[in-house]
Amino acid sequence: MQDEHKYELISIDESEPPHSDDETERGDWFKYQIAQGDNMITGYRRGKLRTVRREVKTIIIGLNERRSGKRKQPPARSASKKQAKN
């Protein structure tokens, strides 16, 4: 996969809650932006910056794996389970 087609983190900034007027929902919200070429993904996460950054990086890894076709394979079924079904 060429680098210009990879998803990458553009920014993570403190933010207001995305859709709430409830005062208890305020605080610890972050807005993140991920880009892939001209495409932009904007999302919101609540938590500590370190945790949000780690979660967004996990999202980016998953997006890039999907694009490149490198998806994790489900675990192989054991022989005993296969025999039990037959």
Foldseek 3Di string as FASTA:
>chain_A
DDPLQAKDWDDKADDAPPDDPDPVRGDQKIWTWIDGNPDIDIDMDGDHPVVVVVVVVVVRVVVRCVVVVNDDDPDDDDPVVVVVVD
